[in-house]
Amino acid sequence: MSVKPIELLGGESVYCINQSQLKSAFRLANEDAESGPRIRSEIAALEEKLSRNERAALAFVLIDRLLKTSEH
């Protein structure tokens, strides 16, 4: 059974990520001495374990959960 890919582009916008947020995320993941290695390690592990659709679902669910919870 073939699974239809989750569409990442197009359709009605639900979440808006601005360029500043995206740049900050890439800086944290690629340049921060403490967080960068942890983030890159988790990404590598997820890319090994999860399909493209599963990674897309995880990304969307994480963004939604971040929007609905405050930092503790």
N, C-alpha and C. Protein backbone atom coordinates (compact mmCIF):
# COMPACT_ATOMS: atom_id res chain seq x y z
N MET A 1 0.85 -1.17 0.00
CA MET A 1 0.00 0.00 0.00
C MET A 1 0.90 1.24 0.00
N SER A 2 0.64 2.14 -0.91
CA SER A 2 1.41 3.37 -1.03
C SER A 2 0.75 4.47 -0.21
N VAL A 3 1.57 5.21 0.53
CA VAL A 3 1.06 6.30 1.34
C VAL A 3 1.28 7.60 0.58
N LYS A 4 0.22 8.40 0.45
CA LYS A 4 0.32 9.67 -0.23
C LYS A 4 1.19 10.62 0.59
N PRO A 5 2.16 11.30 -0.05
CA PRO A 5 3.03 12.21 0.70
C PRO A 5 2.25 13.36 1.31
N ILE A 6 2.67 13.78 2.49
CA ILE A 6 2.09 14.97 3.12
C ILE A 6 2.58 16.17 2.34
N GLU A 7 1.67 17.00 1.87
CA GLU A 7 2.00 18.19 1.11
C GLU A 7 2.61 19.23 2.04
N LEU A 8 3.82 19.65 1.73
CA LEU A 8 4.51 20.63 2.57
C LEU A 8 4.32 22.05 2.06
N LEU A 9 4.01 22.20 0.80
CA LEU A 9 3.83 23.52 0.19
C LEU A 9 2.43 23.62 -0.39
N GLY A 10 1.92 24.83 -0.43
CA GLY A 10 0.60 25.03 -1.01
C GLY A 10 -0.49 24.87 0.02
N GLY A 11 -1.69 25.17 -0.39
CA GLY A 11 -2.83 25.06 0.52
C GLY A 11 -2.95 26.28 1.41
N GLU A 12 -3.95 26.28 2.22
CA GLU A 12 -4.23 27.38 3.13
C GLU A 12 -3.18 27.42 4.25
N SER A 13 -2.69 28.61 4.56
CA SER A 13 -1.71 28.75 5.64
C SER A 13 -2.36 28.56 6.99
N VAL A 14 -1.66 27.83 7.85
CA VAL A 14 -2.12 27.62 9.21
C VAL A 14 -1.13 28.27 10.18
N TYR A 15 0.15 28.07 9.95
CA TYR A 15 1.19 28.62 10.80
C TYR A 15 2.09 29.51 9.95
N CYS A 16 2.52 30.61 10.53
CA CYS A 16 3.41 31.52 9.83
C CYS A 16 4.75 31.53 10.57
N ILE A 17 5.81 31.23 9.84
CA ILE A 17 7.16 31.29 10.39
C ILE A 17 7.88 32.38 9.61
N ASN A 18 8.33 33.42 10.32
CA ASN A 18 8.99 34.50 9.59
C ASN A 18 10.47 34.21 9.40
N GLN A 19 11.11 35.01 8.55
CA GLN A 19 12.52 34.78 8.22
C GLN A 19 13.41 34.88 9.44
N SER A 20 13.11 35.78 10.34
CA SER A 20 13.92 35.94 11.55
C SER A 20 13.86 34.67 12.41
N GLN A 21 12.68 34.09 12.55
CA GLN A 21 12.54 32.86 13.33
C GLN A 21 13.31 31.72 12.67
N LEU A 22 13.22 31.64 11.34
CA LEU A 22 13.91 30.58 10.61
C LEU A 22 15.42 30.74 10.73
N LYS A 23 15.92 31.97 10.59
CA LYS A 23 17.35 32.23 10.74
C LYS A 23 17.82 31.87 12.15
N SER A 24 17.02 32.21 13.15
CA SER A 24 17.38 31.88 14.54
C SER A 24 17.43 30.37 14.75
N ALA A 25 16.48 29.67 14.15
CA ALA A 25 16.45 28.21 14.27
C ALA A 25 17.68 27.58 13.63
N PHE A 26 18.03 28.04 12.43
CA PHE A 26 19.22 27.51 11.75
C PHE A 26 20.49 27.86 12.51
N ARG A 27 20.56 29.07 13.09
CA ARG A 27 21.72 29.45 13.87
C ARG A 27 21.87 28.53 15.08
N LEU A 28 20.77 28.29 15.79
CA LEU A 28 20.80 27.42 16.96
C LEU A 28 21.23 26.01 16.57
N ALA A 29 20.69 25.50 15.48
CA ALA A 29 20.98 24.14 15.05
C ALA A 29 22.38 23.99 14.45
N ASN A 30 22.89 25.03 13.80
CA ASN A 30 24.14 24.89 13.08
C ASN A 30 25.34 25.57 13.72
N GLU A 31 25.11 26.56 14.58
CA GLU A 31 26.23 27.35 15.09
C GLU A 31 26.37 27.34 16.62
N ASP A 32 25.30 27.09 17.35
CA ASP A 32 25.37 27.13 18.80
C ASP A 32 26.19 25.94 19.32
N ALA A 33 27.18 26.25 20.14
CA ALA A 33 28.10 25.22 20.62
C ALA A 33 27.43 24.15 21.48
N GLU A 34 26.44 24.52 22.25
CA GLU A 34 25.78 23.55 23.13
C GLU A 34 24.59 22.88 22.45
N SER A 35 23.69 23.67 21.89
CA SER A 35 22.46 23.12 21.31
C SER A 35 22.68 22.48 19.93
N GLY A 36 23.57 23.05 19.15
CA GLY A 36 23.78 22.57 17.78
C GLY A 36 24.04 21.08 17.67
N PRO A 37 25.02 20.55 18.39
CA PRO A 37 25.28 19.11 18.28
C PRO A 37 24.09 18.24 18.70
N ARG A 38 23.37 18.66 19.74
CA ARG A 38 22.19 17.89 20.18
C ARG A 38 21.11 17.90 19.11
N ILE A 39 20.85 19.07 18.56
CA ILE A 39 19.81 19.19 17.53
C ILE A 39 20.18 18.38 16.30
N ARG A 40 21.41 18.52 15.84
CA ARG A 40 21.85 17.77 14.64
C ARG A 40 21.81 16.26 14.87
N SER A 41 22.16 15.84 16.08
CA SER A 41 22.12 14.42 16.41
C SER A 41 20.68 13.88 16.37
N GLU A 42 19.76 14.64 16.94
CA GLU A 42 18.35 14.22 16.93
C GLU A 42 17.79 14.19 15.51
N ILE A 43 18.15 15.18 14.71
CA ILE A 43 17.69 15.21 13.31
C ILE A 43 18.20 13.98 12.58
N ALA A 44 19.49 13.66 12.74
CA ALA A 44 20.05 12.49 12.06
C ALA A 44 19.34 11.21 12.50
N ALA A 45 19.08 11.08 13.79
CA ALA A 45 18.40 9.88 14.29
C ALA A 45 16.99 9.78 13.74
N LEU A 46 16.27 10.90 13.71
CA LEU A 46 14.90 10.90 13.18
C LEU A 46 14.88 10.59 11.69
N GLU A 47 15.85 11.13 10.97
CA GLU A 47 15.89 10.87 9.52
C GLU A 47 16.18 9.40 9.22
N GLU A 48 16.87 8.72 10.13
CA GLU A 48 17.12 7.29 9.96
C GLU A 48 15.88 6.46 10.28
N LYS A 49 15.12 6.89 11.29
CA LYS A 49 14.01 6.08 11.80
C LYS A 49 12.67 6.36 11.14
N LEU A 50 12.43 7.62 10.76
CA LEU A 50 11.11 8.02 10.29
C LEU A 50 11.09 8.29 8.79
N SER A 51 9.96 7.99 8.19
CA SER A 51 9.77 8.29 6.77
C SER A 51 9.58 9.80 6.60
N ARG A 52 9.57 10.25 5.36
CA ARG A 52 9.36 11.66 5.08
C ARG A 52 8.01 12.12 5.66
N ASN A 53 6.97 11.34 5.44
CA ASN A 53 5.64 11.69 5.98
C ASN A 53 5.65 11.75 7.50
N GLU A 54 6.32 10.81 8.12
CA GLU A 54 6.38 10.80 9.58
C GLU A 54 7.14 12.02 10.10
N ARG A 55 8.22 12.40 9.42
CA ARG A 55 8.96 13.60 9.83
C ARG A 55 8.13 14.85 9.63
N ALA A 56 7.38 14.93 8.54
CA ALA A 56 6.51 16.08 8.31
C ALA A 56 5.43 16.15 9.40
N ALA A 57 4.82 15.00 9.71
CA ALA A 57 3.80 14.97 10.77
C ALA A 57 4.40 15.41 12.10
N LEU A 58 5.58 14.92 12.42
CA LEU A 58 6.24 15.30 13.66
C LEU A 58 6.51 16.80 13.70
N ALA A 59 7.00 17.36 12.60
CA ALA A 59 7.28 18.80 12.56
C ALA A 59 6.01 19.61 12.80
N PHE A 60 4.93 19.25 12.14
CA PHE A 60 3.68 19.99 12.30
C PHE A 60 3.13 19.87 13.72
N VAL A 61 3.19 18.67 14.28
CA VAL A 61 2.69 18.46 15.64
C VAL A 61 3.54 19.22 16.65
N LEU A 62 4.86 19.22 16.47
CA LEU A 62 5.73 19.96 17.38
C LEU A 62 5.45 21.46 17.32
N ILE A 63 5.29 22.01 16.13
CA ILE A 63 4.98 23.44 16.00
C ILE A 63 3.65 23.74 16.69
N ASP A 64 2.65 22.91 16.46
CA ASP A 64 1.35 23.13 17.09
C ASP A 64 1.46 23.09 18.61
N ARG A 65 2.19 22.11 19.13
CA ARG A 65 2.35 21.99 20.59
C ARG A 65 3.11 23.17 21.17
N LEU A 66 4.12 23.66 20.44
CA LEU A 66 4.88 24.83 20.91
C LEU A 66 3.98 26.06 20.98
N LEU A 67 3.09 26.20 20.02
CA LEU A 67 2.19 27.34 20.01
C LEU A 67 1.17 27.28 21.13
N LYS A 68 0.83 26.09 21.57
CA LYS A 68 -0.22 25.91 22.57
C LYS A 68 0.31 25.83 24.00
N THR A 69 1.63 25.79 24.17
CA THR A 69 2.19 25.70 25.52
C THR A 69 3.16 26.85 25.74
N SER A 70 3.29 27.24 26.99
CA SER A 70 4.26 28.28 27.32
C SER A 70 5.54 27.62 27.80
N GLU A 71 6.65 28.35 27.67
CA GLU A 71 7.93 27.83 28.13
C GLU A 71 7.96 27.81 29.64
N HIS A 72 8.50 26.74 30.19
CA HIS A 72 8.57 26.62 31.66
C HIS A 72 9.96 26.88 32.13
